[in-house]
Amino acid sequence: MFAIYDINGCSFRDTLENLRKVKKSPAPRRPSLLPRGEETIDQNTFGGRSVSTQACQAYRGKVQINERESVIHAYQIMSHPVESIQLTVDIVSAWKHIRAMRHHQLPVLDIKQRIVGMLTERDLLQFLIVDDNQIMSQRNKIVADAMSTQVVAADPVTDIRRVAQVMLDYRQSAVPVTNEDDELVGLVSRSDILQAATSDPPLSLWA
């Protein structure tokens, strides 16, 4: 399951198939990464919460995944707790923060701690000026001016191959993970998926 967040909050929550109906992909269509495999998962936890087998079964039914297909969910590989940044932080401070954290992207939160966008290094570089080794930005520019809005997020119980497909379709380098209360609970990056794909037993994304 996926959701769309912007400056006004959550505007959509449904399956990948319905997401494609309401949000056009800027990227060319690519081969499907939908699941094909042989193993199943059992109960696990994230952030101190239990994810039940019933929830996983309900997810399978919603997206019509066969019982024998291998499923690794977002909550099993996501990074958490998540580093984030506030909407009103100035550009230079945001650059220093993202570099200090050694991240390439950060979810952006508003004053109510709701996700409203994503900020990447590339977003910030459009506003930065380097002069005599001093980093400056255009006057009065803040994170809200640089971030990407209409970010697609995933529910914790979402097959990571569908998460990877969203990254390709919507050119996102990472996908935030939010719960039913629209709280940010994790982040799945490309490196998280690559690590899962090379784990033991390995996950075959294209089999």
Protein backbone atom coordinates (compact mmCIF):
# COMPACT_ATOMS: atom_id res chain seq x y z
CA MET A 1 0.00 0.00 0.00
CA PHE A 2 1.17 3.50 -0.81
CA ALA A 3 0.32 7.08 0.15
CA ILE A 4 0.97 10.51 -1.37
CA TYR A 5 2.03 13.36 0.93
CA ASP A 6 2.37 17.04 0.17
CA ILE A 7 2.26 20.33 2.06
CA ASN A 8 -1.40 19.68 2.92
CA GLY A 9 -0.85 16.18 4.28
CA CYS A 10 -1.97 12.79 2.94
CA SER A 11 -4.04 13.00 -0.25
CA PHE A 12 -4.05 9.32 -1.29
CA ARG A 13 -3.66 5.83 0.24
CA ASP A 14 -4.21 2.70 -1.85
CA THR A 15 -2.48 0.06 -3.98
CA LEU A 16 0.32 0.59 -6.51
CA GLU A 17 -2.12 -0.05 -9.33
CA ASN A 18 -4.42 2.76 -8.17
CA LEU A 19 -1.45 5.02 -7.43
CA ARG A 20 -0.56 4.88 -11.11
CA LYS A 21 -4.07 6.06 -11.96
CA VAL A 22 -3.81 9.24 -9.87
CA LYS A 23 -0.10 10.10 -10.18
CA LYS A 24 1.53 10.01 -13.59
CA SER A 25 5.02 8.57 -13.69
CA PRO A 26 7.72 10.94 -15.01
CA ALA A 27 9.94 7.96 -15.79
CA PRO A 28 9.56 5.61 -18.79
CA ARG A 29 7.88 2.32 -18.06
CA ARG A 30 10.31 -0.40 -17.03
CA PRO A 31 10.07 -4.17 -16.55
CA SER A 32 7.90 -5.06 -13.60
CA LEU A 33 9.56 -5.82 -10.26
CA LEU A 34 6.45 -7.43 -8.81
CA PRO A 35 7.08 -10.51 -6.66
CA ARG A 36 7.82 -13.99 -7.95
CA GLY A 37 9.32 -16.48 -5.52
CA GLU A 38 8.77 -19.43 -3.28
CA GLU A 39 9.09 -18.47 0.38
CA THR A 40 6.77 -16.75 2.83
CA ILE A 41 7.38 -14.67 5.95
CA ASP A 42 6.06 -14.87 9.46
CA GLN A 43 5.47 -12.38 12.27
CA ASN A 44 8.06 -9.62 12.82
CA THR A 45 8.30 -6.24 14.51
CA PHE A 46 9.28 -2.66 13.76
CA GLY A 47 9.69 0.23 16.15
CA GLY A 48 8.52 -1.96 19.04
CA ARG A 49 5.28 -2.83 17.23
CA SER A 50 4.26 -6.31 16.19
CA VAL A 51 3.24 -6.99 12.60
CA SER A 52 0.90 -9.93 12.67
CA THR A 53 0.55 -12.76 10.19
CA GLN A 54 -3.07 -11.63 9.69
CA ALA A 55 -1.88 -8.21 8.52
CA CYS A 56 0.49 -9.83 6.05
CA GLN A 57 -2.27 -12.12 4.79
CA ALA A 58 -4.61 -9.15 4.36
CA TYR A 59 -1.91 -7.39 2.34
CA ARG A 60 -1.51 -10.44 0.11
CA GLY A 61 -5.23 -10.50 -0.56
CA LYS A 62 -5.38 -6.79 -1.32
CA VAL A 63 -2.65 -6.91 -3.96
CA GLN A 64 -3.43 -10.50 -5.06
CA ILE A 65 -0.08 -12.10 -4.19
CA ASN A 66 0.08 -15.89 -4.34
CA GLU A 67 0.68 -17.74 -1.06
CA ARG A 68 3.88 -19.32 -2.43
CA GLU A 69 5.44 -16.07 -3.56
CA SER A 70 8.37 -14.67 -1.57
CA VAL A 71 7.51 -11.44 0.23
CA ILE A 72 9.86 -9.18 2.16
CA HIS A 73 8.06 -6.18 3.58
CA ALA A 74 9.25 -2.60 3.95
CA TYR A 75 9.31 -2.76 7.76
CA GLN A 76 11.80 -5.66 7.62
CA ILE A 77 14.54 -3.70 5.81
CA MET A 78 13.76 -0.02 6.47
CA SER A 79 16.04 2.28 8.43
CA HIS A 80 14.52 3.46 11.71
CA PRO A 81 14.36 5.68 13.62
CA VAL A 82 14.53 8.14 10.74
CA GLU A 83 16.60 11.30 10.49
CA SER A 84 14.42 14.14 9.21
CA ILE A 85 14.48 17.89 8.77
CA GLN A 86 11.99 20.66 9.43
CA LEU A 87 10.23 22.61 6.72
CA THR A 88 11.52 26.02 7.88
CA VAL A 89 15.26 25.28 8.20
CA ASP A 90 17.42 27.61 6.08
CA ILE A 91 19.25 26.14 3.08
CA VAL A 92 22.80 26.42 4.43
CA SER A 93 21.86 24.78 7.74
CA ALA A 94 20.04 22.05 5.82
CA TRP A 95 23.15 21.40 3.71
CA LYS A 96 25.38 21.16 6.77
CA HIS A 97 22.88 18.84 8.46
CA ILE A 98 22.49 16.46 5.53
CA ARG A 99 26.27 16.29 5.08
CA ALA A 100 26.88 15.74 8.79
CA MET A 101 24.38 12.89 8.84
CA ARG A 102 26.02 11.39 5.73
CA HIS A 103 22.64 10.96 4.08
CA HIS A 104 21.70 11.69 0.48
CA GLN A 105 18.09 12.51 1.28
CA LEU A 106 15.90 13.37 4.27
CA PRO A 107 12.12 13.37 4.82
CA VAL A 108 10.78 16.87 5.51
CA LEU A 109 8.36 17.35 8.41
CA ASP A 110 6.11 20.27 9.32
CA ILE A 111 5.57 21.71 12.79
CA LYS A 112 3.09 18.88 13.55
CA GLN A 113 5.74 16.28 12.63
CA ARG A 114 3.81 15.26 9.50
CA ILE A 115 5.74 14.36 6.35
CA VAL A 116 5.31 17.03 3.67
CA GLY A 117 8.18 16.32 1.25
CA MET A 118 11.65 14.94 0.59
CA LEU A 119 14.93 16.85 0.46
CA THR A 120 17.99 15.62 -1.43
CA GLU A 121 21.52 16.91 -1.86
CA ARG A 122 20.68 17.72 -5.47
CA ASP A 123 17.69 19.81 -4.36
CA LEU A 124 19.93 21.89 -2.11
CA LEU A 125 22.70 22.40 -4.68
CA GLN A 126 20.28 24.39 -6.85
CA PHE A 127 20.21 27.09 -4.14
CA LEU A 128 23.81 27.06 -2.88
CA ILE A 129 26.63 29.43 -3.83
CA VAL A 130 30.27 28.69 -3.00
CA ASP A 131 32.53 31.77 -2.78
CA ASP A 132 36.08 31.63 -1.34
CA ASN A 133 35.25 28.34 0.39
CA GLN A 134 32.21 29.94 2.03
CA ILE A 135 28.82 28.29 1.54
CA MET A 136 25.95 30.69 0.97
CA SER A 137 22.44 30.41 -0.35
CA GLN A 138 20.00 32.69 -2.05
CA ARG A 139 18.51 35.07 0.50
CA ASN A 140 15.55 33.90 2.59
CA LYS A 141 15.49 30.43 1.03
CA ILE A 142 14.41 27.55 3.27
CA VAL A 143 13.85 23.81 2.95
CA ALA A 144 10.28 24.39 1.75
CA ASP A 145 11.68 26.13 -1.34
CA ALA A 146 14.02 23.27 -2.26
CA MET A 147 12.19 20.06 -1.30
CA SER A 148 10.25 17.78 -3.60
CA THR A 149 6.55 17.65 -2.84
CA GLN A 150 3.98 14.95 -3.60
CA VAL A 151 6.30 12.31 -2.20
CA VAL A 152 5.12 8.70 -2.40
CA ALA A 153 5.36 6.75 0.86
CA ALA A 154 4.76 3.07 1.62
CA ASP A 155 2.93 1.29 4.41
CA PRO A 156 5.13 -0.93 6.63
CA VAL A 157 3.49 -4.06 5.19
CA THR A 158 4.42 -3.45 1.54
CA ASP A 159 6.43 -5.80 -0.66
CA ILE A 160 9.84 -4.21 -1.24
CA ARG A 161 9.70 -5.06 -4.93
CA ARG A 162 6.71 -2.74 -5.18
CA VAL A 163 8.70 -0.14 -3.24
CA ALA A 164 11.52 -0.55 -5.78
CA GLN A 165 9.01 -0.13 -8.60
CA VAL A 166 7.84 3.17 -7.10
CA MET A 167 11.45 4.36 -6.91
CA LEU A 168 11.81 3.66 -10.63
CA ASP A 169 8.42 5.01 -11.67
CA TYR A 170 8.61 8.26 -9.69
CA ARG A 171 12.39 8.80 -9.60
CA GLN A 172 12.63 8.68 -5.82
CA SER A 173 15.98 7.68 -4.33
CA ALA A 174 14.20 6.61 -1.14
CA VAL A 175 10.65 5.86 -0.02
CA PRO A 176 9.42 6.97 3.42
CA VAL A 177 7.42 4.42 5.42
CA THR A 178 4.33 5.70 7.24
CA ASN A 179 1.75 3.96 9.41
CA GLU A 180 -2.04 4.20 9.39
CA ASP A 181 -1.82 7.37 11.49
CA ASP A 182 0.43 9.03 8.85
CA GLU A 183 3.40 8.89 11.25
CA LEU A 184 6.86 8.53 9.75
CA VAL A 185 8.22 5.19 11.03
CA GLY A 186 11.04 4.38 8.60
CA LEU A 187 12.81 4.96 5.30
CA VAL A 188 13.68 2.48 2.55
CA SER A 189 16.62 3.51 0.39
CA ARG A 190 18.13 1.90 -2.68
CA SER A 191 20.96 0.52 -0.55
CA ASP A 192 18.43 -1.12 1.79
CA ILE A 193 16.87 -2.96 -1.16
CA LEU A 194 20.24 -3.95 -2.60
CA GLN A 195 21.26 -5.34 0.77
CA ALA A 196 18.03 -7.38 0.94
CA ALA A 197 18.62 -8.64 -2.60
CA THR A 198 22.04 -10.01 -1.61
CA SER A 199 21.03 -11.41 1.78
CA ASP A 200 20.91 -15.10 2.67
CA PRO A 201 18.63 -16.44 1.36
CA PRO A 202 18.85 -14.00 -1.56
CA LEU A 203 15.79 -12.18 -2.85
CA SER A 204 15.39 -12.46 -6.60
CA LEU A 205 13.86 -9.26 -7.96
CA TRP A 206 13.63 -10.38 -11.57
CA ALA A 207 13.14 -14.17 -11.40
